[in-house]
PDB file of N, CA and C in Angstrom:
ATOM      1  N   MET A   1     -69.446 121.219-146.727  1.00  0.00           N
ATOM      2  CA  MET A   1     -69.506 122.137-145.598  1.00  0.00           C
ATOM      3  C   MET A   1     -69.244 121.341-144.330  1.00  0.00           C
ATOM      4  N   MET A   2     -68.467 121.916-143.436  1.00  0.00           N
ATOM      5  CA  MET A   2     -68.074 121.247-142.225  1.00  0.00           C
ATOM      6  C   MET A   2     -69.129 121.456-141.126  1.00  0.00           C
ATOM      7  N   ASN A   3     -69.499 120.392-140.449  1.00  0.00           N
ATOM      8  CA  ASN A   3     -70.444 120.499-139.341  1.00  0.00           C
ATOM      9  C   ASN A   3     -69.730 121.016-138.123  1.00  0.00           C
ATOM     10  N   PHE A   4     -70.357 121.960-137.461  1.00  0.00           N
ATOM     11  CA  PHE A   4     -69.766 122.554-136.263  1.00  0.00           C
ATOM     12  C   PHE A   4     -70.542 122.092-135.051  1.00  0.00           C
ATOM     13  N   SER A   5     -69.824 121.658-134.039  1.00  0.00           N
ATOM     14  CA  SER A   5     -70.483 121.270-132.785  1.00  0.00           C
ATOM     15  C   SER A   5     -69.651 121.768-131.615  1.00  0.00           C
ATOM     16  N   LEU A   6     -70.290 121.830-130.465  1.00  0.00           N
ATOM     17  CA  LEU A   6     -69.607 122.295-129.281  1.00  0.00           C
ATOM     18  C   LEU A   6     -68.510 121.329-128.852  1.00  0.00           C
ATOM     19  N   SER A   7     -68.703 120.051-129.122  1.00  0.00           N
ATOM     20  CA  SER A   7     -67.660 119.064-128.758  1.00  0.00           C
ATOM     21  C   SER A   7     -66.368 119.293-129.548  1.00  0.00           C
ATOM     22  N   MET A   8     -66.477 119.780-130.784  1.00  0.00           N
ATOM     23  CA  MET A   8     -65.268 120.096-131.548  1.00  0.00           C
ATOM     24  C   MET A   8     -64.540 121.271-130.942  1.00  0.00           C
ATOM     25  N   LEU A   9     -65.302 122.238-130.421  1.00  0.00           N
ATOM     26  CA  LEU A   9     -64.699 123.418-129.821  1.00  0.00           C
ATOM     27  C   LEU A   9     -64.019 123.095-128.496  1.00  0.00           C
ATOM     28  N   LEU A  10     -64.553 122.115-127.793  1.00  0.00           N
ATOM     29  CA  LEU A  10     -64.010 121.747-126.478  1.00  0.00           C
ATOM     30  C   LEU A  10     -62.961 120.636-126.547  1.00  0.00           C
ATOM     31  N   GLN A  11     -62.619 120.173-127.712  1.00  0.00           N
ATOM     32  CA  GLN A  11     -61.669 119.060-127.860  1.00  0.00           C
ATOM     33  C   GLN A  11     -60.284 119.331-127.252  1.00  0.00           C
ATOM     34  N   PRO A  12     -59.705 120.552-127.398  1.00  0.00           N
ATOM     35  CA  PRO A  12     -58.393 120.777-126.758  1.00  0.00           C
ATOM     36  C   PRO A  12     -58.442 120.727-125.228  1.00  0.00           C
ATOM     37  N   PHE A  13     -59.630 120.837-124.648  1.00  0.00           N
ATOM     38  CA  PHE A  13     -59.792 120.806-123.210  1.00  0.00           C
ATOM     39  C   PHE A  13     -60.111 119.418-122.687  1.00  0.00           C
ATOM     40  N   ALA A  14     -59.810 118.398-123.434  1.00  0.00           N
ATOM     41  CA  ALA A  14     -60.261 117.033-123.103  1.00  0.00           C
ATOM     42  C   ALA A  14     -59.649 116.497-121.809  1.00  0.00           C
ATOM     43  N   HIS A  15     -58.515 117.002-121.366  1.00  0.00           N
ATOM     44  CA  HIS A  15     -57.870 116.458-120.173  1.00  0.00           C
ATOM     45  C   HIS A  15     -58.465 116.980-118.872  1.00  0.00           C
ATOM     46  N   VAL A  16     -59.352 117.962-118.918  1.00  0.00           N
ATOM     47  CA  VAL A  16     -60.005 118.494-117.736  1.00  0.00           C
ATOM     48  C   VAL A  16     -61.458 118.023-117.721  1.00  0.00           C
ATOM     49  N   GLY A  17     -62.119 118.220-116.571  1.00  0.00           N
ATOM     50  CA  GLY A  17     -63.502 117.801-116.443  1.00  0.00           C
ATOM     51  C   GLY A  17     -64.449 118.630-117.277  1.00  0.00           C
ATOM     52  N   LEU A  18     -65.689 118.176-117.380  1.00  0.00           N
ATOM     53  CA  LEU A  18     -66.677 118.828-118.227  1.00  0.00           C
ATOM     54  C   LEU A  18     -66.991 120.243-117.744  1.00  0.00           C
ATOM     55  N   VAL A  19     -67.163 120.417-116.432  1.00  0.00           N
ATOM     56  CA  VAL A  19     -67.460 121.750-115.909  1.00  0.00           C
ATOM     57  C   VAL A  19     -66.273 122.692-116.150  1.00  0.00           C
ATOM     58  N   SER A  20     -65.057 122.202-115.986  1.00  0.00           N
ATOM     59  CA  SER A  20     -63.875 123.009-116.241  1.00  0.00           C
ATOM     60  C   SER A  20     -63.748 123.367-117.701  1.00  0.00           C
ATOM     61  N   GLN A  21     -64.184 122.486-118.593  1.00  0.00           N
ATOM     62  CA  GLN A  21     -64.148 122.789-120.019  1.00  0.00           C
ATOM     63  C   GLN A  21     -65.035 123.988-120.339  1.00  0.00           C
ATOM     64  N   TYR A  22     -66.247 123.961-119.807  1.00  0.00           N
ATOM     65  CA  TYR A  22     -67.154 125.073-120.047  1.00  0.00           C
ATOM     66  C   TYR A  22     -66.662 126.356-119.375  1.00  0.00           C
ATOM     67  N   ALA A  23     -66.092 126.223-118.188  1.00  0.00           N
ATOM     68  CA  ALA A  23     -65.576 127.412-117.490  1.00  0.00           C
ATOM     69  C   ALA A  23     -64.422 128.031-118.281  1.00  0.00           C
ATOM     70  N   LEU A  24     -63.516 127.219-118.826  1.00  0.00           N
ATOM     71  CA  LEU A  24     -62.423 127.749-119.621  1.00  0.00           C
ATOM     72  C   LEU A  24     -62.934 128.389-120.893  1.00  0.00           C
ATOM     73  N   LEU A  25     -63.919 127.775-121.541  1.00  0.00           N
ATOM     74  CA  LEU A  25     -64.470 128.341-122.762  1.00  0.00           C
ATOM     75  C   LEU A  25     -65.133 129.687-122.488  1.00  0.00           C
ATOM     76  N   ILE A  26     -65.896 129.773-121.419  1.00  0.00           N
ATOM     77  CA  ILE A  26     -66.539 131.046-121.054  1.00  0.00           C
ATOM     78  C   ILE A  26     -65.497 132.105-120.698  1.00  0.00           C
ATOM     79  N   ALA A  27     -64.436 131.693-119.977  1.00  0.00           N
ATOM     80  CA  ALA A  27     -63.382 132.622-119.629  1.00  0.00           C
ATOM     81  C   ALA A  27     -62.683 133.169-120.879  1.00  0.00           C
ATOM     82  N   PHE A  28     -62.424 132.311-121.860  1.00  0.00           N
ATOM     83  CA  PHE A  28     -61.816 132.779-123.116  1.00  0.00           C
ATOM     84  C   PHE A  28     -62.737 133.756-123.846  1.00  0.00           C
ATOM     85  N   ILE A  29     -64.022 133.479-123.841  1.00  0.00           N
ATOM     86  CA  ILE A  29     -64.970 134.381-124.528  1.00  0.00           C
ATOM     87  C   ILE A  29     -64.991 135.743-123.851  1.00  0.00           C
ATOM     88  N   PHE A  30     -65.103 135.764-122.509  1.00  0.00           N
ATOM     89  CA  PHE A  30     -65.141 137.039-121.809  1.00  0.00           C
ATOM     90  C   PHE A  30     -63.826 137.798-121.931  1.00  0.00           C
ATOM     91  N   LEU A  31     -62.700 137.089-121.902  1.00  0.00           N
ATOM     92  CA  LEU A  31     -61.416 137.760-122.092  1.00  0.00           C
ATOM     93  C   LEU A  31     -61.290 138.324-123.489  1.00  0.00           C
ATOM     94  N   GLY A  32     -61.811 137.614-124.475  1.00  0.00           N
ATOM     95  CA  GLY A  32     -61.796 138.139-125.843  1.00  0.00           C
ATOM     96  C   GLY A  32     -62.597 139.431-125.949  1.00  0.00           C
ATOM     97  N   ILE A  33     -63.771 139.439-125.316  1.00  0.00           N
ATOM     98  CA  ILE A  33     -64.582 140.676-125.314  1.00  0.00           C
ATOM     99  C   ILE A  33     -63.838 141.803-124.582  1.00  0.00           C
ATOM    100  N   SER A  34     -63.193 141.480-123.479  1.00  0.00           N
ATOM    101  CA  SER A  34     -62.449 142.468-122.726  1.00  0.00           C
ATOM    102  C   SER A  34     -61.272 143.028-123.542  1.00  0.00           C
ATOM    103  N   ILE A  35     -60.598 142.171-124.260  1.00  0.00           N
ATOM    104  CA  ILE A  35     -59.482 142.617-125.099  1.00  0.00           C
ATOM    105  C   ILE A  35     -59.977 143.521-126.224  1.00  0.00           C
ATOM    106  N   LEU A  36     -61.113 143.177-126.826  1.00  0.00           N
ATOM    107  CA  LEU A  36     -61.674 144.040-127.862  1.00  0.00           C
ATOM    108  C   LEU A  36     -62.049 145.412-127.313  1.00  0.00           C
ATOM    109  N   CYS A  37     -62.634 145.465-126.120  1.00  0.00           N
ATOM    110  CA  CYS A  37     -62.997 146.735-125.499  1.00  0.00           C
ATOM    111  C   CYS A  37     -61.736 147.549-125.174  1.00  0.00           C
ATOM    112  N   GLY A  38     -60.711 146.894-124.662  1.00  0.00           N
ATOM    113  CA  GLY A  38     -59.464 147.595-124.348  1.00  0.00           C
ATOM    114  C   GLY A  38     -58.775 148.106-125.607  1.00  0.00           C
ATOM    115  N   ALA A  39     -58.797 147.303-126.664  1.00  0.00           N
ATOM    116  CA  ALA A  39     -58.194 147.751-127.919  1.00  0.00           C
ATOM    117  C   ALA A  39     -58.948 148.939-128.503  1.00  0.00           C
ATOM    118  N   TRP A  40     -60.271 148.913-128.362  1.00  0.00           N
ATOM    119  CA  TRP A  40     -61.085 150.044-128.838  1.00  0.00           C
ATOM    120  C   TRP A  40     -60.718 151.314-128.076  1.00  0.00           C
ATOM    121  N   ARG A  41     -60.578 151.208-126.752  1.00  0.00           N
ATOM    122  CA  ARG A  41     -60.228 152.388-125.944  1.00  0.00           C
ATOM    123  C   ARG A  41     -58.802 152.832-126.264  1.00  0.00           C
ATOM    124  N   LEU A  42     -57.912 151.902-126.551  1.00  0.00           N
ATOM    125  CA  LEU A  42     -56.530 152.253-126.888  1.00  0.00           C
ATOM    126  C   LEU A  42     -56.493 153.040-128.191  1.00  0.00           C
ATOM    127  N   LEU A  43     -57.294 152.643-129.171  1.00  0.00           N
ATOM    128  CA  LEU A  43     -57.284 153.309-130.462  1.00  0.00           C
ATOM    129  C   LEU A  43     -58.097 154.584-130.476  1.00  0.00           C
ATOM    130  N   ARG A  44     -59.179 154.643-129.723  1.00  0.00           N
ATOM    131  CA  ARG A  44     -60.093 155.773-129.797  1.00  0.00           C
ATOM    132  C   ARG A  44     -60.132 156.630-128.541  1.00  0.00           C
ATOM    133  N   GLY A  45     -59.235 156.355-127.592  1.00  0.00           N
ATOM    134  CA  GLY A  45     -59.277 157.077-126.321  1.00  0.00           C
ATOM    135  C   GLY A  45     -59.224 158.588-126.504  1.00  0.00           C
ATOM    136  N   PRO A  46     -60.033 159.311-125.754  1.00  0.00           N
ATOM    137  CA  PRO A  46     -60.019 160.764-125.944  1.00  0.00           C
ATOM    138  C   PRO A  46     -58.763 161.432-125.416  1.00  0.00           C
ATOM    139  N   SER A  47     -58.072 160.811-124.472  1.00  0.00           N
ATOM    140  CA  SER A  47     -56.870 161.439-123.946  1.00  0.00           C
ATOM    141  C   SER A  47     -55.749 160.409-123.846  1.00  0.00           C
ATOM    142  N   LEU A  48     -54.555 160.900-123.621  1.00  0.00           N
ATOM    143  CA  LEU A  48     -53.407 160.037-123.502  1.00  0.00           C
ATOM    144  C   LEU A  48     -53.484 159.156-122.245  1.00  0.00           C
ATOM    145  N   GLU A  49     -54.067 159.719-121.174  1.00  0.00           N
ATOM    146  CA  GLU A  49     -54.221 158.936-119.943  1.00  0.00           C
ATOM    147  C   GLU A  49     -55.117 157.726-120.162  1.00  0.00           C
ATOM    148  N   ASP A  50     -56.209 157.925-120.910  1.00  0.00           N
ATOM    149  CA  ASP A  50     -57.099 156.813-121.227  1.00  0.00           C
ATOM    150  C   ASP A  50     -56.381 155.739-122.027  1.00  0.00           C
ATOM    151  N   ARG A  51     -55.540 156.147-122.931  1.00  0.00           N
ATOM    152  CA  ARG A  51     -54.817 155.178-123.753  1.00  0.00           C
ATOM    153  C   ARG A  51     -53.789 154.391-122.915  1.00  0.00           C
ATOM    154  N   ILE A  52     -53.139 155.059-121.985  1.00  0.00           N
ATOM    155  CA  ILE A  52     -52.192 154.364-121.119  1.00  0.00           C
ATOM    156  C   ILE A  52     -52.914 153.358-120.224  1.00  0.00           C
ATOM    157  N   LEU A  53     -54.053 153.738-119.679  1.00  0.00           N
ATOM    158  CA  LEU A  53     -54.828 152.798-118.876  1.00  0.00           C
ATOM    159  C   LEU A  53     -55.344 151.632-119.714  1.00  0.00           C
ATOM    160  N   ALA A  54     -55.731 151.884-120.972  1.00  0.00           N
ATOM    161  CA  ALA A  54     -56.180 150.811-121.840  1.00  0.00           C
ATOM    162  C   ALA A  54     -55.028 149.857-122.123  1.00  0.00           C
ATOM    163  N   LEU A  55     -53.841 150.390-122.328  1.00  0.00           N
ATOM    164  CA  LEU A  55     -52.678 149.534-122.573  1.00  0.00           C
ATOM    165  C   LEU A  55     -52.363 148.676-121.348  1.00  0.00           C
ATOM    166  N   ASP A  56     -52.481 149.254-120.169  1.00  0.00           N
ATOM    167  CA  ASP A  56     -52.262 148.502-118.943  1.00  0.00           C
ATOM    168  C   ASP A  56     -53.321 147.395-118.790  1.00  0.00           C
ATOM    169  N   THR A  57     -54.547 147.707-119.139  1.00  0.00           N
ATOM    170  CA  THR A  57     -55.611 146.691-119.093  1.00  0.00           C
ATOM    171  C   THR A  57     -55.343 145.569-120.091  1.00  0.00           C
ATOM    172  N   LEU A  58     -54.818 145.914-121.257  1.00  0.00           N
ATOM    173  CA  LEU A  58     -54.504 144.881-122.227  1.00  0.00           C
ATOM    174  C   LEU A  58     -53.354 143.992-121.746  1.00  0.00           C
ATOM    175  N   TYR A  59     -52.418 144.543-121.033  1.00  0.00           N
ATOM    176  CA  TYR A  59     -51.364 143.714-120.415  1.00  0.00           C
ATOM    177  C   TYR A  59     -51.970 142.696-119.447  1.00  0.00           C
ATOM    178  N   ILE A  60     -52.885 143.167-118.618  1.00  0.00           N
ATOM    179  CA  ILE A  60     -53.505 142.273-117.642  1.00  0.00           C
ATOM    180  C   ILE A  60     -54.336 141.192-118.339  1.00  0.00           C
ATOM    181  N   ASN A  61     -55.040 141.576-119.400  1.00  0.00           N
ATOM    182  CA  ASN A  61     -55.816 140.589-120.156  1.00  0.00           C
ATOM    183  C   ASN A  61     -54.912 139.577-120.843  1.00  0.00           C
ATOM    184  N   ALA A  62     -53.768 140.044-121.344  1.00  0.00           N
ATOM    185  CA  ALA A  62     -52.814 139.133-121.976  1.00  0.00           C
ATOM    186  C   ALA A  62     -52.285 138.126-120.955  1.00  0.00           C
ATOM    187  N   ILE A  63     -52.023 138.603-119.750  1.00  0.00           N
ATOM    188  CA  ILE A  63     -51.563 137.683-118.704  1.00  0.00           C
ATOM    189  C   ILE A  63     -52.630 136.625-118.405  1.00  0.00           C
ATOM    190  N   ALA A  64     -53.883 137.044-118.334  1.00  0.00           N
ATOM    191  CA  ALA A  64     -54.970 136.103-118.070  1.00  0.00           C
ATOM    192  C   ALA A  64     -55.110 135.083-119.202  1.00  0.00           C
ATOM    193  N   VAL A  65     -54.970 135.518-120.438  1.00  0.00           N
ATOM    194  CA  VAL A  65     -55.053 134.579-121.573  1.00  0.00           C
ATOM    195  C   VAL A  65     -53.905 133.597-121.527  1.00  0.00           C
ATOM    196  N   ILE A  66     -52.708 134.054-121.218  1.00  0.00           N
ATOM    197  CA  ILE A  66     -51.554 133.174-121.148  1.00  0.00           C
ATOM    198  C   ILE A  66     -51.732 132.144-120.042  1.00  0.00           C
ATOM    199  N   ILE A  67     -52.228 132.550-118.894  1.00  0.00           N
ATOM    200  CA  ILE A  67     -52.477 131.614-117.800  1.00  0.00           C
ATOM    201  C   ILE A  67     -53.534 130.591-118.189  1.00  0.00           C
ATOM    202  N   LEU A  68     -54.597 131.031-118.863  1.00  0.00           N
ATOM    203  CA  LEU A  68     -55.613 130.090-119.325  1.00  0.00           C
ATOM    204  C   LEU A  68     -55.041 129.092-120.338  1.00  0.00           C
ATOM    205  N   LEU A  69     -54.152 129.572-121.197  1.00  0.00           N
ATOM    206  CA  LEU A  69     -53.511 128.651-122.149  1.00  0.00           C
ATOM    207  C   LEU A  69     -52.653 127.633-121.418  1.00  0.00           C
ATOM    208  N   GLY A  70     -52.022 128.081-120.317  1.00  0.00           N
ATOM    209  CA  GLY A  70     -51.257 127.132-119.495  1.00  0.00           C
ATOM    210  C   GLY A  70     -52.145 126.066-118.887  1.00  0.00           C
ATOM    211  N   LEU A  71     -53.367 126.443-118.508  1.00  0.00           N
ATOM    212  CA  LEU A  71     -54.298 125.453-117.988  1.00  0.00           C
ATOM    213  C   LEU A  71     -54.770 124.495-119.074  1.00  0.00           C
ATOM    214  N   VAL A  72     -55.029 125.040-120.265  1.00  0.00           N
ATOM    215  CA  VAL A  72     -55.509 124.218-121.370  1.00  0.00           C
ATOM    216  C   VAL A  72     -54.459 123.194-121.797  1.00  0.00           C
ATOM    217  N   PHE A  73     -53.218 123.627-121.959  1.00  0.00           N
ATOM    218  CA  PHE A  73     -52.173 122.751-122.438  1.00  0.00           C
ATOM    219  C   PHE A  73     -51.447 122.022-121.333  1.00  0.00           C
ATOM    220  N   ALA A  74     -51.845 122.272-120.077  1.00  0.00           N
ATOM    221  CA  ALA A  74     -51.299 121.583-118.893  1.00  0.00           C
ATOM    222  C   ALA A  74     -49.772 121.618-118.842  1.00  0.00           C
ATOM    223  N   THR A  75     -49.223 122.810-118.962  1.00  0.00           N
ATOM    224  CA  THR A  75     -47.784 122.976-118.874  1.00  0.00           C
ATOM    225  C   THR A  75     -47.453 124.217-118.034  1.00  0.00           C
ATOM    226  N   ARG A  76     -46.320 124.216-117.384  1.00  0.00           N
ATOM    227  CA  ARG A  76     -45.926 125.314-116.522  1.00  0.00           C
ATOM    228  C   ARG A  76     -45.202 126.439-117.263  1.00  0.00           C
ATOM    229  N   VAL A  77     -44.825 126.212-118.490  1.00  0.00           N
ATOM    230  CA  VAL A  77     -44.061 127.210-119.245  1.00  0.00           C
ATOM    231  C   VAL A  77     -44.889 128.486-119.406  1.00  0.00           C
ATOM    232  N   TYR A  78     -46.169 128.340-119.624  1.00  0.00           N
ATOM    233  CA  TYR A  78     -47.028 129.513-119.834  1.00  0.00           C
ATOM    234  C   TYR A  78     -47.092 130.398-118.584  1.00  0.00           C
ATOM    235  N   PHE A  79     -46.975 129.798-117.414  1.00  0.00           N
ATOM    236  CA  PHE A  79     -47.008 130.600-116.197  1.00  0.00           C
ATOM    237  C   PHE A  79     -45.741 131.458-116.064  1.00  0.00           C
ATOM    238  N   GLU A  80     -44.627 130.925-116.508  1.00  0.00           N
ATOM    239  CA  GLU A  80     -43.398 131.700-116.503  1.00  0.00           C
ATOM    240  C   GLU A  80     -43.450 132.823-117.530  1.00  0.00           C
ATOM    241  N   ILE A  81     -44.052 132.537-118.674  1.00  0.00           N
ATOM    242  CA  ILE A  81     -44.238 133.579-119.695  1.00  0.00           C
ATOM    243  C   ILE A  81     -45.126 134.671-119.159  1.00  0.00           C
ATOM    244  N   ALA A  82     -46.180 134.298-118.436  1.00  0.00           N
ATOM    245  CA  ALA A  82     -47.097 135.299-117.861  1.00  0.00           C
ATOM    246  C   ALA A  82     -46.379 136.169-116.859  1.00  0.00           C
ATOM    247  N   LEU A  83     -45.447 135.601-116.103  1.00  0.00           N
ATOM    248  CA  LEU A  83     -44.689 136.385-115.149  1.00  0.00           C
ATOM    249  C   LEU A  83     -43.807 137.420-115.861  1.00  0.00           C
ATOM    250  N   VAL A  84     -43.179 137.042-116.947  1.00  0.00           N
ATOM    251  CA  VAL A  84     -42.344 137.970-117.717  1.00  0.00           C
ATOM    252  C   VAL A  84     -43.203 139.093-118.312  1.00  0.00           C
ATOM    253  N   VAL A  85     -44.370 138.726-118.854  1.00  0.00           N
ATOM    254  CA  VAL A  85     -45.257 139.757-119.417  1.00  0.00           C
ATOM    255  C   VAL A  85     -45.731 140.697-118.322  1.00  0.00           C
ATOM    256  N   ALA A  86     -45.995 140.180-117.126  1.00  0.00           N
ATOM    257  CA  ALA A  86     -46.412 141.032-116.006  1.00  0.00           C
ATOM    258  C   ALA A  86     -45.321 142.036-115.637  1.00  0.00           C
ATOM    259  N   MET A  87     -44.079 141.560-115.601  1.00  0.00           N
ATOM    260  CA  MET A  87     -42.997 142.483-115.262  1.00  0.00           C
ATOM    261  C   MET A  87     -42.812 143.532-116.334  1.00  0.00           C
ATOM    262  N   LEU A  88     -42.846 143.138-117.594  1.00  0.00           N
ATOM    263  CA  LEU A  88     -42.687 144.112-118.678  1.00  0.00           C
ATOM    264  C   LEU A  88     -43.865 145.084-118.720  1.00  0.00           C
ATOM    265  N   GLY A  89     -45.050 144.609-118.442  1.00  0.00           N
ATOM    266  CA  GLY A  89     -46.217 145.501-118.411  1.00  0.00           C
ATOM    267  C   GLY A  89     -46.130 146.513-117.311  1.00  0.00           C
ATOM    268  N   PHE A  90     -45.658 146.089-116.130  1.00  0.00           N
ATOM    269  CA  PHE A  90     -45.505 147.029-115.020  1.00  0.00           C
ATOM    270  C   PHE A  90     -44.461 148.079-115.333  1.00  0.00           C
ATOM    271  N   ILE A  91     -43.330 147.661-115.874  1.00  0.00           N
ATOM    272  CA  ILE A  91     -42.256 148.607-116.217  1.00  0.00           C
ATOM    273  C   ILE A  91     -42.738 149.562-117.278  1.00  0.00           C
ATOM    274  N   GLY A  92     -43.428 149.060-118.291  1.00  0.00           N
ATOM    275  CA  GLY A  92     -43.962 149.913-119.349  1.00  0.00           C
ATOM    276  C   GLY A  92     -44.943 150.945-118.833  1.00  0.00           C
ATOM    277  N   THR A  93     -45.814 150.527-117.941  1.00  0.00           N
ATOM    278  CA  THR A  93     -46.780 151.454-117.375  1.00  0.00           C
ATOM    279  C   THR A  93     -46.105 152.532-116.539  1.00  0.00           C
ATOM    280  N   VAL A  94     -45.124 152.164-115.751  1.00  0.00           N
ATOM    281  CA  VAL A  94     -44.414 153.150-114.941  1.00  0.00           C
ATOM    282  C   VAL A  94     -43.663 154.128-115.820  1.00  0.00           C
ATOM    283  N   VAL A  95     -43.022 153.658-116.859  1.00  0.00           N
ATOM    284  CA  VAL A  95     -42.280 154.550-117.751  1.00  0.00           C
ATOM    285  C   VAL A  95     -43.228 155.506-118.467  1.00  0.00           C
ATOM    286  N   LEU A  96     -44.366 154.992-118.958  1.00  0.00           N
ATOM    287  CA  LEU A  96     -45.324 155.868-119.637  1.00  0.00           C
ATOM    288  C   LEU A  96     -45.923 156.893-118.691  1.00  0.00           C
ATOM    289  N   ALA A  97     -46.210 156.485-117.455  1.00  0.00           N
ATOM    290  CA  ALA A  97     -46.749 157.445-116.485  1.00  0.00           C
ATOM    291  C   ALA A  97     -45.732 158.507-116.140  1.00  0.00           C
ATOM    292  N   LYS A  98     -44.458 158.126-116.003  1.00  0.00           N
ATOM    293  CA  LYS A  98     -43.415 159.106-115.702  1.00  0.00           C
ATOM    294  C   LYS A  98     -43.229 160.067-116.877  1.00  0.00           C
ATOM    295  N   PHE A  99     -43.292 159.523-118.091  1.00  0.00           N
ATOM    296  CA  PHE A  99     -43.155 160.386-119.247  1.00  0.00           C
ATOM    297  C   PHE A  99     -44.328 161.350-119.340  1.00  0.00           C
ATOM    298  N   LEU A 100     -45.501 160.898-118.966  1.00  0.00           N
ATOM    299  CA  LEU A 100     -46.681 161.749-119.045  1.00  0.00           C
ATOM    300  C   LEU A 100     -46.636 162.877-118.008  1.00  0.00           C
ATOM    301  N   THR A 101     -46.137 162.575-116.811  1.00  0.00           N
ATOM    302  CA  THR A 101     -46.118 163.594-115.769  1.00  0.00           C
ATOM    303  C   THR A 101     -44.927 164.529-115.880  1.00  0.00           C
ATOM    304  N   ILE A 102     -43.737 164.004-116.163  1.00  0.00           N
ATOM    305  CA  ILE A 102     -42.529 164.837-116.175  1.00  0.00           C
ATOM    306  C   ILE A 102     -42.169 165.263-117.589  1.00  0.00           C
ATOM    307  N   GLY A 103     -42.371 164.387-118.555  1.00  0.00           N
ATOM    308  CA  GLY A 103     -41.982 164.691-119.922  1.00  0.00           C
ATOM    309  C   GLY A 103     -40.651 164.091-120.316  1.00  0.00           C
ATOM    310  N   ASP A 104     -39.955 163.464-119.357  1.00  0.00           N
ATOM    311  CA  ASP A 104     -38.667 162.858-119.623  1.00  0.00           C
ATOM    312  C   ASP A 104     -38.544 161.639-118.712  1.00  0.00           C
ATOM    313  N   ILE A 105     -38.056 160.530-119.236  1.00  0.00           N
ATOM    314  CA  ILE A 105     -37.955 159.329-118.428  1.00  0.00           C
ATOM    315  C   ILE A 105     -36.599 159.164-117.765  1.00  0.00           C
ATOM    316  N   THR A 106     -35.661 160.059-118.057  1.00  0.00           N
ATOM    317  CA  THR A 106     -34.329 159.916-117.475  1.00  0.00           C
ATOM    318  C   THR A 106     -34.160 160.655-116.179  1.00  0.00           C
ATOM    319  N   LYS A 107     -35.096 161.499-115.808  1.00  0.00           N
ATOM    320  CA  LYS A 107     -34.965 162.279-114.571  1.00  0.00           C
ATOM    321  C   LYS A 107     -35.453 161.504-113.400  1.00  0.00           C
TER     322      LYS A 107
END
């Protein structure tokens, strides 16, 4: 059986300070909880509007996770990926809202 310790969990964060390691770990935990809540609302939402808002929230949470991964791995590529996800999320939300109000996205 493998022994589990907090130092093993924080090992990928070794290049940042101790306080930053704990802050990143706590941020990942809270974002995970937020993603689970958003996914629950997306699957069980009582109306289509609730599901669209849950999808938009999941886009924002995905952007936050990608930015945190950029901090963990100390590379700028993740920030560019987060920018692309933000643009796609905005476009998707606008298209879904237009489809919901008008019924057609080409008008």
